[in-house]
C-alpha cells in the first residue's frame, strides 16, 4: 500500500514538472508594474540573460540582436547606434510554456480571451490573419494594444495561445 502511495506521488510530481511553466528569467528587466521599460541598453540585456547575442545586420531597422538563454526565451530586438533596443520581440519554442514576462503574460499559456480581458481598455485593434494573404505566417490573430507609452502586439497561434510578444516605443503599423 505504501509503495502505491509513493509511486502515485512520484508520478504526480513528475507530471507536474513536465507541464509546469518555466520562468523566462527576465524579471530583472521589468519595472515594478510589470512593463519592460524601453529603450533598454543591450548591456543590461546581456547581464540579465547571461548569454551573448547573435547579431545580424538589417539595413532598414538597424542591427538585429538575438539572445537565446537556457530558460527557453527567444529575446530579440533592433539595436540602434546608441546600443539600445526600442523594439523587442519575445517568443519561445512551440509548446514550451514561459511565465515571468511583461504584463504577467505567459507564452503558450495566455489565451486570446485572457489578453482581451486583461487589456480591455487599451486595445487598439484585433486583427485576424488570413493565411492566404500572408504565406508562411503562423499567427491566427494579433491583438494590438497601447499600454502607457508602449505599443504591444500579441500574436496568437491557431489554438489562440500567445506565441509572441512585441513591445515598441513606436507604432509599428505606422513605421512603414
N, C-alpha and C. Protein backbone atom coordinates (compact mmCIF):
# COMPACT_ATOMS: atom_id res chain seq x y z
N UNK A 1 0.82 -1.19 0.00
CA UNK A 1 0.00 0.00 0.00
C UNK A 1 0.87 1.26 0.00
N UNK A 2 1.90 1.27 0.85
CA UNK A 2 2.79 2.43 0.94
C UNK A 2 3.53 2.65 -0.38
N UNK A 3 3.91 1.55 -1.04
CA UNK A 3 4.59 1.66 -2.34
C UNK A 3 3.70 2.31 -3.38
N UNK A 4 2.40 1.98 -3.37
CA UNK A 4 1.46 2.58 -4.33
C UNK A 4 1.32 4.07 -4.08
N UNK A 5 1.26 4.47 -2.82
CA UNK A 5 1.14 5.89 -2.49
C UNK A 5 2.40 6.62 -2.92
N UNK A 6 3.56 6.06 -2.62
CA UNK A 6 4.83 6.67 -3.01
C UNK A 6 4.93 6.78 -4.53
N UNK A 7 4.58 5.71 -5.24
CA UNK A 7 4.64 5.71 -6.70
C UNK A 7 3.68 6.74 -7.27
N UNK A 8 2.47 6.82 -6.72
CA UNK A 8 1.49 7.81 -7.20
C UNK A 8 2.00 9.23 -6.98
N UNK A 9 2.55 9.49 -5.82
CA UNK A 9 3.09 10.82 -5.52
C UNK A 9 4.25 11.16 -6.45
N UNK A 10 5.12 10.19 -6.70
CA UNK A 10 6.25 10.40 -7.59
C UNK A 10 5.78 10.71 -9.01
N UNK A 11 4.80 9.97 -9.51
CA UNK A 11 4.28 10.19 -10.86
C UNK A 11 3.58 11.54 -10.97
N UNK A 12 2.86 11.93 -9.93
CA UNK A 12 2.21 13.23 -9.91
C UNK A 12 3.23 14.35 -9.97
N UNK A 13 4.29 14.24 -9.19
CA UNK A 13 5.36 15.23 -9.20
C UNK A 13 6.04 15.30 -10.56
N UNK A 14 6.31 14.16 -11.14
CA UNK A 14 6.95 14.09 -12.46
C UNK A 14 6.05 14.73 -13.52
N UNK A 15 4.77 14.45 -13.48
CA UNK A 15 3.82 15.03 -14.43
C UNK A 15 3.75 16.54 -14.26
N UNK A 16 3.70 17.00 -13.01
CA UNK A 16 3.64 18.43 -12.75
C UNK A 16 4.87 19.14 -13.32
N UNK A 17 6.04 18.57 -13.11
CA UNK A 17 7.26 19.19 -13.61
C UNK A 17 7.31 19.23 -15.13
N UNK A 18 6.70 18.27 -15.78
CA UNK A 18 6.70 18.22 -17.25
C UNK A 18 5.80 19.28 -17.85
N UNK A 19 4.68 19.60 -17.18
CA UNK A 19 3.74 20.55 -17.76
C UNK A 19 3.82 21.94 -17.10
N UNK A 20 4.63 22.09 -16.09
CA UNK A 20 4.69 23.34 -15.36
C UNK A 20 5.31 24.45 -16.21
N UNK A 21 4.96 25.67 -15.85
CA UNK A 21 5.53 26.82 -16.50
C UNK A 21 6.98 26.97 -16.08
N UNK A 22 7.76 27.51 -16.95
CA UNK A 22 9.14 27.82 -16.62
C UNK A 22 9.27 29.33 -16.66
N UNK A 23 10.02 29.87 -15.73
CA UNK A 23 10.25 31.31 -15.68
C UNK A 23 11.23 31.70 -16.79
N UNK A 24 10.92 32.76 -17.52
CA UNK A 24 11.73 33.21 -18.64
C UNK A 24 13.07 33.81 -18.21
N UNK A 25 13.20 34.17 -16.94
CA UNK A 25 14.46 34.72 -16.47
C UNK A 25 14.72 36.17 -16.86
N UNK A 26 13.66 36.94 -17.08
CA UNK A 26 13.86 38.34 -17.48
C UNK A 26 13.24 39.32 -16.47
N UNK A 27 12.87 38.83 -15.30
CA UNK A 27 12.20 39.69 -14.32
C UNK A 27 13.01 40.92 -13.96
N UNK A 28 14.35 40.81 -13.95
CA UNK A 28 15.16 41.98 -13.60
C UNK A 28 15.21 43.01 -14.74
N UNK A 29 14.58 42.70 -15.88
CA UNK A 29 14.46 43.69 -16.97
C UNK A 29 13.11 44.42 -16.90
N UNK A 30 12.23 43.97 -16.00
CA UNK A 30 10.90 44.54 -15.91
C UNK A 30 10.82 45.59 -14.81
N UNK A 31 9.93 46.55 -15.00
CA UNK A 31 9.69 47.57 -13.97
C UNK A 31 8.77 46.99 -12.90
N UNK A 32 8.55 47.74 -11.85
CA UNK A 32 7.71 47.28 -10.74
C UNK A 32 6.28 46.97 -11.18
N UNK A 33 5.80 47.68 -12.21
CA UNK A 33 4.43 47.44 -12.68
C UNK A 33 4.36 46.35 -13.76
N UNK A 34 5.47 45.67 -14.00
CA UNK A 34 5.47 44.55 -14.93
C UNK A 34 5.72 44.91 -16.38
N UNK A 35 6.00 46.16 -16.65
CA UNK A 35 6.31 46.59 -18.02
C UNK A 35 7.79 46.39 -18.29
N UNK A 36 8.17 46.43 -19.55
CA UNK A 36 9.58 46.40 -19.92
C UNK A 36 9.94 47.81 -20.39
N UNK A 37 10.65 48.56 -19.54
CA UNK A 37 10.98 49.94 -19.89
C UNK A 37 11.90 50.00 -21.12
N UNK A 38 11.44 50.71 -22.13
CA UNK A 38 12.21 50.87 -23.36
C UNK A 38 12.51 52.34 -23.57
N UNK A 39 13.60 52.70 -24.21
CA UNK A 39 14.64 51.80 -24.73
C UNK A 39 15.44 51.17 -23.60
N UNK A 40 16.03 50.03 -23.93
CA UNK A 40 16.82 49.28 -22.96
C UNK A 40 18.19 49.01 -23.55
N UNK A 41 19.21 49.25 -22.77
CA UNK A 41 20.59 49.07 -23.23
C UNK A 41 20.91 47.59 -23.41
N UNK A 42 21.65 47.25 -24.48
CA UNK A 42 21.97 45.85 -24.73
C UNK A 42 22.85 45.28 -23.62
N UNK A 43 23.66 46.12 -22.99
CA UNK A 43 24.49 45.65 -21.88
C UNK A 43 23.63 45.11 -20.75
N UNK A 44 22.51 45.79 -20.47
CA UNK A 44 21.59 45.35 -19.42
C UNK A 44 20.95 44.01 -19.80
N UNK A 45 20.61 43.85 -21.07
CA UNK A 45 20.02 42.58 -21.54
C UNK A 45 21.06 41.46 -21.43
N UNK A 46 22.28 41.74 -21.86
CA UNK A 46 23.37 40.75 -21.77
C UNK A 46 23.53 40.27 -20.33
N UNK A 47 23.55 41.21 -19.39
CA UNK A 47 23.74 40.86 -17.98
C UNK A 47 22.57 40.04 -17.44
N UNK A 48 21.35 40.41 -17.84
CA UNK A 48 20.17 39.71 -17.33
C UNK A 48 20.06 38.30 -17.90
N UNK A 49 20.34 38.14 -19.19
CA UNK A 49 20.17 36.84 -19.83
C UNK A 49 21.41 35.95 -19.73
N UNK A 50 22.54 36.55 -19.37
CA UNK A 50 23.80 35.81 -19.16
C UNK A 50 24.22 34.99 -20.39
N UNK A 51 23.98 35.57 -21.56
CA UNK A 51 24.37 34.94 -22.81
C UNK A 51 24.64 36.05 -23.84
N UNK A 52 25.57 35.80 -24.71
CA UNK A 52 25.89 36.79 -25.74
C UNK A 52 24.89 36.67 -26.89
N UNK A 53 24.56 37.80 -27.51
CA UNK A 53 23.61 37.76 -28.62
C UNK A 53 24.27 37.38 -29.94
N UNK A 54 23.44 36.91 -30.85
CA UNK A 54 23.84 36.73 -32.24
C UNK A 54 23.39 38.00 -32.94
N UNK A 55 24.26 38.62 -33.72
CA UNK A 55 23.95 39.89 -34.36
C UNK A 55 23.90 39.72 -35.87
N UNK A 56 22.80 40.19 -36.47
CA UNK A 56 22.70 40.23 -37.92
C UNK A 56 22.35 41.65 -38.33
N UNK A 57 22.87 42.07 -39.47
CA UNK A 57 22.66 43.43 -39.93
C UNK A 57 21.34 43.53 -40.67
N UNK A 58 20.56 44.56 -40.31
CA UNK A 58 19.32 44.87 -41.00
C UNK A 58 19.41 46.33 -41.40
N UNK A 59 19.58 46.59 -42.69
CA UNK A 59 19.80 47.95 -43.16
C UNK A 59 18.62 48.88 -42.90
N UNK A 60 17.43 48.32 -42.81
CA UNK A 60 16.25 49.16 -42.61
C UNK A 60 16.05 49.53 -41.14
N UNK A 61 16.23 48.57 -40.22
CA UNK A 61 15.91 48.79 -38.82
C UNK A 61 17.11 48.88 -37.89
N UNK A 62 18.32 48.65 -38.37
CA UNK A 62 19.49 48.60 -37.50
C UNK A 62 19.88 47.16 -37.27
N UNK A 63 20.85 46.94 -36.44
CA UNK A 63 21.28 45.56 -36.18
C UNK A 63 20.22 44.80 -35.39
N UNK A 64 20.03 43.55 -35.75
CA UNK A 64 19.08 42.67 -35.07
C UNK A 64 19.88 41.78 -34.11
N UNK A 65 19.64 41.96 -32.82
CA UNK A 65 20.31 41.17 -31.79
C UNK A 65 19.35 40.10 -31.31
N UNK A 66 19.84 38.86 -31.18
CA UNK A 66 19.01 37.76 -30.70
C UNK A 66 19.73 37.02 -29.58
N UNK A 67 19.04 36.90 -28.45
CA UNK A 67 19.57 36.17 -27.30
C UNK A 67 18.74 34.91 -27.12
N UNK A 68 19.40 33.79 -26.86
CA UNK A 68 18.69 32.53 -26.60
C UNK A 68 19.28 31.87 -25.35
N UNK A 69 18.87 32.34 -24.17
CA UNK A 69 19.38 31.74 -22.93
C UNK A 69 18.73 30.37 -22.69
N UNK A 70 19.25 29.65 -21.71
CA UNK A 70 18.77 28.31 -21.41
C UNK A 70 17.33 28.28 -20.92
N UNK A 71 16.80 29.40 -20.46
CA UNK A 71 15.42 29.42 -19.97
C UNK A 71 14.41 29.11 -21.07
N UNK A 72 14.81 29.27 -22.33
CA UNK A 72 13.92 28.98 -23.44
C UNK A 72 13.32 30.20 -24.10
N UNK A 73 13.56 31.37 -23.53
CA UNK A 73 13.05 32.59 -24.15
C UNK A 73 13.88 32.90 -25.40
N UNK A 74 13.23 33.35 -26.42
CA UNK A 74 13.89 33.82 -27.64
C UNK A 74 13.66 35.33 -27.62
N UNK A 75 14.69 36.08 -27.22
CA UNK A 75 14.59 37.52 -26.97
C UNK A 75 15.36 38.21 -28.09
N UNK A 76 14.71 39.07 -28.84
CA UNK A 76 15.43 39.78 -29.90
C UNK A 76 14.97 41.22 -29.96
N UNK A 77 15.79 42.03 -30.59
CA UNK A 77 15.45 43.44 -30.73
C UNK A 77 16.35 44.13 -31.73
N UNK A 78 15.84 45.22 -32.27
CA UNK A 78 16.62 46.04 -33.18
C UNK A 78 17.42 47.03 -32.34
N UNK A 79 18.72 47.10 -32.61
CA UNK A 79 19.62 47.94 -31.82
C UNK A 79 20.16 49.07 -32.69
N UNK A 80 20.00 50.29 -32.19
CA UNK A 80 20.47 51.46 -32.91
C UNK A 80 21.91 51.81 -32.54
N UNK A 81 22.36 52.93 -33.04
CA UNK A 81 23.74 53.40 -32.82
C UNK A 81 24.03 53.63 -31.34
N UNK A 82 23.00 53.94 -30.55
CA UNK A 82 23.19 54.18 -29.12
C UNK A 82 23.26 52.89 -28.30
N UNK A 83 23.26 51.74 -28.99
CA UNK A 83 23.35 50.40 -28.36
C UNK A 83 22.18 50.13 -27.43
N UNK A 84 20.99 50.57 -27.84
CA UNK A 84 19.78 50.26 -27.07
C UNK A 84 18.69 49.74 -28.01
N UNK A 85 17.75 49.00 -27.42
CA UNK A 85 16.60 48.45 -28.15
C UNK A 85 15.37 49.29 -27.82
N UNK A 86 14.66 49.73 -28.84
CA UNK A 86 13.38 50.41 -28.65
C UNK A 86 12.23 49.52 -29.06
N UNK A 87 12.55 48.38 -29.67
CA UNK A 87 11.56 47.37 -30.05
C UNK A 87 12.12 46.01 -29.68
N UNK A 88 11.35 45.22 -28.92
CA UNK A 88 11.80 43.87 -28.55
C UNK A 88 10.72 42.86 -28.93
N UNK A 89 11.19 41.64 -29.21
CA UNK A 89 10.33 40.53 -29.59
C UNK A 89 10.61 39.38 -28.63
N UNK A 90 9.58 38.81 -28.04
CA UNK A 90 9.71 37.71 -27.10
C UNK A 90 8.90 36.52 -27.60
N UNK A 91 9.55 35.38 -27.74
CA UNK A 91 8.83 34.15 -28.09
C UNK A 91 9.61 32.97 -27.52
N UNK A 92 9.08 31.79 -27.69
CA UNK A 92 9.71 30.57 -27.20
C UNK A 92 9.42 29.45 -28.18
N UNK A 93 9.99 28.30 -27.93
CA UNK A 93 9.73 27.17 -28.80
C UNK A 93 8.28 26.72 -28.65
N UNK A 94 7.76 26.16 -29.70
CA UNK A 94 6.37 25.69 -29.72
C UNK A 94 6.12 24.74 -28.55
N UNK A 95 5.10 25.00 -27.79
CA UNK A 95 4.72 24.12 -26.70
C UNK A 95 5.37 24.44 -25.36
N UNK A 96 6.49 25.15 -25.35
CA UNK A 96 7.14 25.49 -24.09
C UNK A 96 6.40 26.66 -23.45
N UNK A 97 5.98 26.48 -22.22
CA UNK A 97 5.20 27.49 -21.50
C UNK A 97 6.16 28.31 -20.64
N UNK A 98 6.20 29.63 -20.91
CA UNK A 98 7.11 30.52 -20.18
C UNK A 98 6.34 31.65 -19.52
N UNK A 99 6.61 31.84 -18.24
CA UNK A 99 6.00 32.94 -17.48
C UNK A 99 7.10 33.92 -17.10
N UNK A 100 6.77 34.88 -16.23
CA UNK A 100 7.75 35.88 -15.81
C UNK A 100 7.99 36.91 -16.90
N UNK A 101 6.96 37.21 -17.66
CA UNK A 101 7.07 38.11 -18.82
C UNK A 101 6.36 39.43 -18.55
N UNK A 102 6.57 40.43 -19.41
CA UNK A 102 5.88 41.70 -19.22
C UNK A 102 4.36 41.51 -19.11
N UNK A 103 3.76 42.32 -18.26
CA UNK A 103 2.31 42.35 -18.03
C UNK A 103 1.76 41.01 -17.54
N UNK A 104 2.61 40.20 -16.92
CA UNK A 104 2.22 38.88 -16.40
C UNK A 104 1.66 37.96 -17.48
N UNK A 105 2.14 38.13 -18.70
CA UNK A 105 1.72 37.26 -19.80
C UNK A 105 2.47 35.95 -19.74
N UNK A 106 1.90 34.92 -20.36
CA UNK A 106 2.52 33.59 -20.39
C UNK A 106 2.55 33.12 -21.84
N UNK A 107 3.75 32.97 -22.38
CA UNK A 107 3.88 32.44 -23.74
C UNK A 107 3.41 31.00 -23.77
N UNK A 108 2.61 30.66 -24.77
CA UNK A 108 1.99 29.33 -24.91
C UNK A 108 1.08 29.00 -23.73
N UNK A 109 0.62 30.03 -23.02
CA UNK A 109 -0.25 29.83 -21.87
C UNK A 109 -1.41 30.81 -21.86
N UNK A 110 -1.13 32.10 -22.05
CA UNK A 110 -2.20 33.10 -22.08
C UNK A 110 -3.03 32.90 -23.35
N UNK A 111 -4.35 32.98 -23.20
CA UNK A 111 -5.23 32.84 -24.36
C UNK A 111 -5.61 34.21 -24.90
N UNK A 112 -6.15 34.22 -26.10
CA UNK A 112 -6.64 35.46 -26.70
C UNK A 112 -7.69 36.10 -25.79
N UNK A 113 -8.58 35.29 -25.28
CA UNK A 113 -9.64 35.79 -24.38
C UNK A 113 -9.04 36.39 -23.11
N UNK A 114 -8.03 35.71 -22.52
CA UNK A 114 -7.35 36.24 -21.32
C UNK A 114 -6.80 37.64 -21.61
N UNK A 115 -6.15 37.77 -22.75
CA UNK A 115 -5.49 39.04 -23.10
C UNK A 115 -6.51 40.13 -23.43
N UNK A 116 -7.62 39.75 -24.06
CA UNK A 116 -8.67 40.73 -24.33
C UNK A 116 -9.24 41.27 -23.02
N UNK A 117 -9.38 40.40 -22.04
CA UNK A 117 -9.87 40.81 -20.72
C UNK A 117 -8.84 41.69 -20.02
N UNK A 118 -7.58 41.26 -20.03
CA UNK A 118 -6.51 41.99 -19.34
C UNK A 118 -6.31 43.40 -19.91
N UNK A 119 -6.38 43.53 -21.23
CA UNK A 119 -6.08 44.80 -21.90
C UNK A 119 -7.34 45.49 -22.43
N UNK A 120 -8.48 45.15 -21.89
CA UNK A 120 -9.78 45.60 -22.38
C UNK A 120 -9.82 47.08 -22.78
N UNK A 121 -9.36 47.95 -21.92
CA UNK A 121 -9.44 49.39 -22.18
C UNK A 121 -8.29 49.92 -23.02
N UNK A 122 -7.32 49.06 -23.37
CA UNK A 122 -6.14 49.51 -24.10
C UNK A 122 -6.05 48.96 -25.52
N UNK A 123 -7.03 48.17 -25.96
CA UNK A 123 -6.96 47.52 -27.26
C UNK A 123 -7.15 48.55 -28.38
N UNK A 124 -6.20 48.55 -29.31
CA UNK A 124 -6.29 49.39 -30.49
C UNK A 124 -6.98 48.65 -31.63
N UNK A 125 -6.63 47.36 -31.75
CA UNK A 125 -7.16 46.57 -32.88
C UNK A 125 -6.99 45.08 -32.60
N UNK A 126 -7.95 44.32 -33.08
CA UNK A 126 -7.85 42.85 -33.08
C UNK A 126 -7.87 42.45 -34.55
N UNK A 127 -6.81 41.82 -34.99
CA UNK A 127 -6.66 41.51 -36.42
C UNK A 127 -6.59 40.01 -36.64
N UNK A 128 -7.49 39.51 -37.48
CA UNK A 128 -7.45 38.10 -37.87
C UNK A 128 -6.50 38.00 -39.06
N UNK A 129 -5.56 37.07 -38.98
CA UNK A 129 -4.58 36.88 -40.05
C UNK A 129 -5.13 35.86 -41.04
N UNK A 130 -5.20 36.25 -42.28
CA UNK A 130 -5.65 35.36 -43.35
C UNK A 130 -4.42 34.67 -43.95
N UNK A 131 -4.27 33.34 -43.79
CA UNK A 131 -3.08 32.65 -44.28
C UNK A 131 -2.88 32.77 -45.79
N UNK A 132 -3.97 32.95 -46.53
CA UNK A 132 -3.85 33.11 -47.98
C UNK A 132 -3.16 34.42 -48.34
N UNK A 133 -3.42 35.47 -47.56
CA UNK A 133 -2.80 36.77 -47.81
C UNK A 133 -1.42 36.90 -47.18
N UNK A 134 -1.10 36.00 -46.25
CA UNK A 134 0.16 36.07 -45.50
C UNK A 134 0.86 34.71 -45.52
N UNK A 135 1.39 34.29 -46.66
CA UNK A 135 2.05 32.98 -46.73
C UNK A 135 3.19 32.87 -45.73
N UNK A 136 3.24 31.73 -45.04
CA UNK A 136 4.29 31.50 -44.06
C UNK A 136 3.97 32.01 -42.67
N UNK A 137 2.93 32.80 -42.53
CA UNK A 137 2.53 33.34 -41.23
C UNK A 137 1.93 32.22 -40.38
N UNK A 138 2.37 32.12 -39.13
CA UNK A 138 1.84 31.08 -38.24
C UNK A 138 0.76 31.62 -37.32
N UNK A 139 0.71 32.92 -37.12
CA UNK A 139 -0.28 33.51 -36.21
C UNK A 139 -1.66 33.52 -36.84
N UNK A 140 -2.67 33.38 -35.99
CA UNK A 140 -4.04 33.45 -36.48
C UNK A 140 -4.70 34.78 -36.09
N UNK A 141 -4.27 35.37 -34.97
CA UNK A 141 -4.77 36.66 -34.53
C UNK A 141 -3.62 37.50 -34.00
N UNK A 142 -3.77 38.81 -34.14
CA UNK A 142 -2.84 39.75 -33.50
C UNK A 142 -3.71 40.75 -32.75
N UNK A 143 -3.40 40.92 -31.49
CA UNK A 143 -4.07 41.89 -30.65
C UNK A 143 -3.11 43.05 -30.46
N UNK A 144 -3.53 44.23 -30.90
CA UNK A 144 -2.67 45.42 -30.81
C UNK A 144 -3.17 46.28 -29.66
N UNK A 145 -2.23 46.63 -28.78
CA UNK A 145 -2.56 47.31 -27.53
C UNK A 145 -1.65 48.52 -27.37
N UNK A 146 -2.17 49.59 -26.78
CA UNK A 146 -1.36 50.75 -26.39
C UNK A 146 -1.37 50.75 -24.87
N UNK A 147 -0.22 50.42 -24.28
CA UNK A 147 -0.11 50.32 -22.82
C UNK A 147 0.84 51.42 -22.35
N UNK A 148 0.30 52.50 -21.82
CA UNK A 148 1.13 53.64 -21.45
C UNK A 148 1.77 54.21 -22.70
N UNK A 149 3.09 54.33 -22.70
CA UNK A 149 3.78 54.86 -23.88
C UNK A 149 4.26 53.77 -24.83
N UNK A 150 3.87 52.52 -24.58
CA UNK A 150 4.35 51.41 -25.40
C UNK A 150 3.24 50.83 -26.28
N UNK A 151 3.66 50.40 -27.45
CA UNK A 151 2.79 49.67 -28.37
C UNK A 151 3.12 48.19 -28.20
N UNK A 152 2.10 47.40 -27.90
CA UNK A 152 2.29 45.97 -27.64
C UNK A 152 1.47 45.19 -28.65
N UNK A 153 2.15 44.31 -29.39
CA UNK A 153 1.46 43.42 -30.32
C UNK A 153 1.57 42.01 -29.78
N UNK A 154 0.43 41.35 -29.62
CA UNK A 154 0.37 39.99 -29.10
C UNK A 154 -0.10 39.08 -30.23
N UNK A 155 0.73 38.12 -30.59
CA UNK A 155 0.40 37.19 -31.68
C UNK A 155 -0.04 35.86 -31.10
N UNK A 156 -1.12 35.30 -31.65
CA UNK A 156 -1.73 34.07 -31.15
C UNK A 156 -1.71 33.00 -32.24
N UNK A 157 -1.46 31.76 -31.83
CA UNK A 157 -1.41 30.64 -32.78
C UNK A 157 -2.83 30.18 -33.11
N UNK A 158 -2.94 29.11 -33.88
CA UNK A 158 -4.24 28.58 -34.31
C UNK A 158 -5.10 28.12 -33.14
N UNK A 159 -4.47 27.77 -32.00
CA UNK A 159 -5.21 27.35 -30.81
C UNK A 159 -5.53 28.54 -29.90
N UNK A 160 -5.23 29.75 -30.40
CA UNK A 160 -5.46 31.02 -29.71
C UNK A 160 -4.65 31.15 -28.43
N UNK A 161 -3.44 30.58 -28.42
CA UNK A 161 -2.48 30.73 -27.33
C UNK A 161 -1.43 31.76 -27.75
N UNK A 162 -0.97 32.54 -26.80
CA UNK A 162 0.01 33.58 -27.06
C UNK A 162 1.33 32.97 -27.53
N UNK A 163 1.80 33.35 -28.72
CA UNK A 163 3.05 32.80 -29.24
C UNK A 163 4.16 33.84 -29.36
N UNK A 164 3.81 35.13 -29.39
CA UNK A 164 4.85 36.15 -29.47
C UNK A 164 4.34 37.46 -28.88
N UNK A 165 5.27 38.16 -28.20
CA UNK A 165 5.00 39.48 -27.65
C UNK A 165 5.98 40.45 -28.32
N UNK A 166 5.47 41.52 -28.89
CA UNK A 166 6.31 42.57 -29.45
C UNK A 166 5.99 43.84 -28.69
N UNK A 167 7.03 44.50 -28.18
CA UNK A 167 6.85 45.76 -27.44
C UNK A 167 7.73 46.80 -28.10
N UNK A 168 7.16 47.99 -28.33
CA UNK A 168 7.91 49.03 -29.02
C UNK A 168 7.53 50.41 -28.51
N UNK A 169 8.46 51.34 -28.66
CA UNK A 169 8.18 52.73 -28.31
C UNK A 169 7.50 53.46 -29.48
N UNK A 170 7.46 52.82 -30.64
CA UNK A 170 6.83 53.42 -31.82
C UNK A 170 5.70 52.52 -32.31
N UNK A 171 4.75 53.12 -32.97
CA UNK A 171 3.67 52.36 -33.57
C UNK A 171 4.20 51.67 -34.81
N UNK A 172 4.38 50.36 -34.74
CA UNK A 172 4.98 49.59 -35.83
C UNK A 172 4.11 49.63 -37.08
N UNK A 173 2.81 49.79 -36.91
CA UNK A 173 1.93 49.87 -38.07
C UNK A 173 2.15 51.14 -38.86
N UNK A 174 2.58 52.20 -38.19
CA UNK A 174 2.80 53.47 -38.85
C UNK A 174 4.23 53.64 -39.34
N UNK A 175 5.09 52.65 -39.00
CA UNK A 175 6.52 52.77 -39.31
C UNK A 175 6.84 52.50 -40.77
N UNK A 176 5.96 51.95 -41.53
CA UNK A 176 6.36 51.64 -42.89
C UNK A 176 5.25 51.81 -43.81
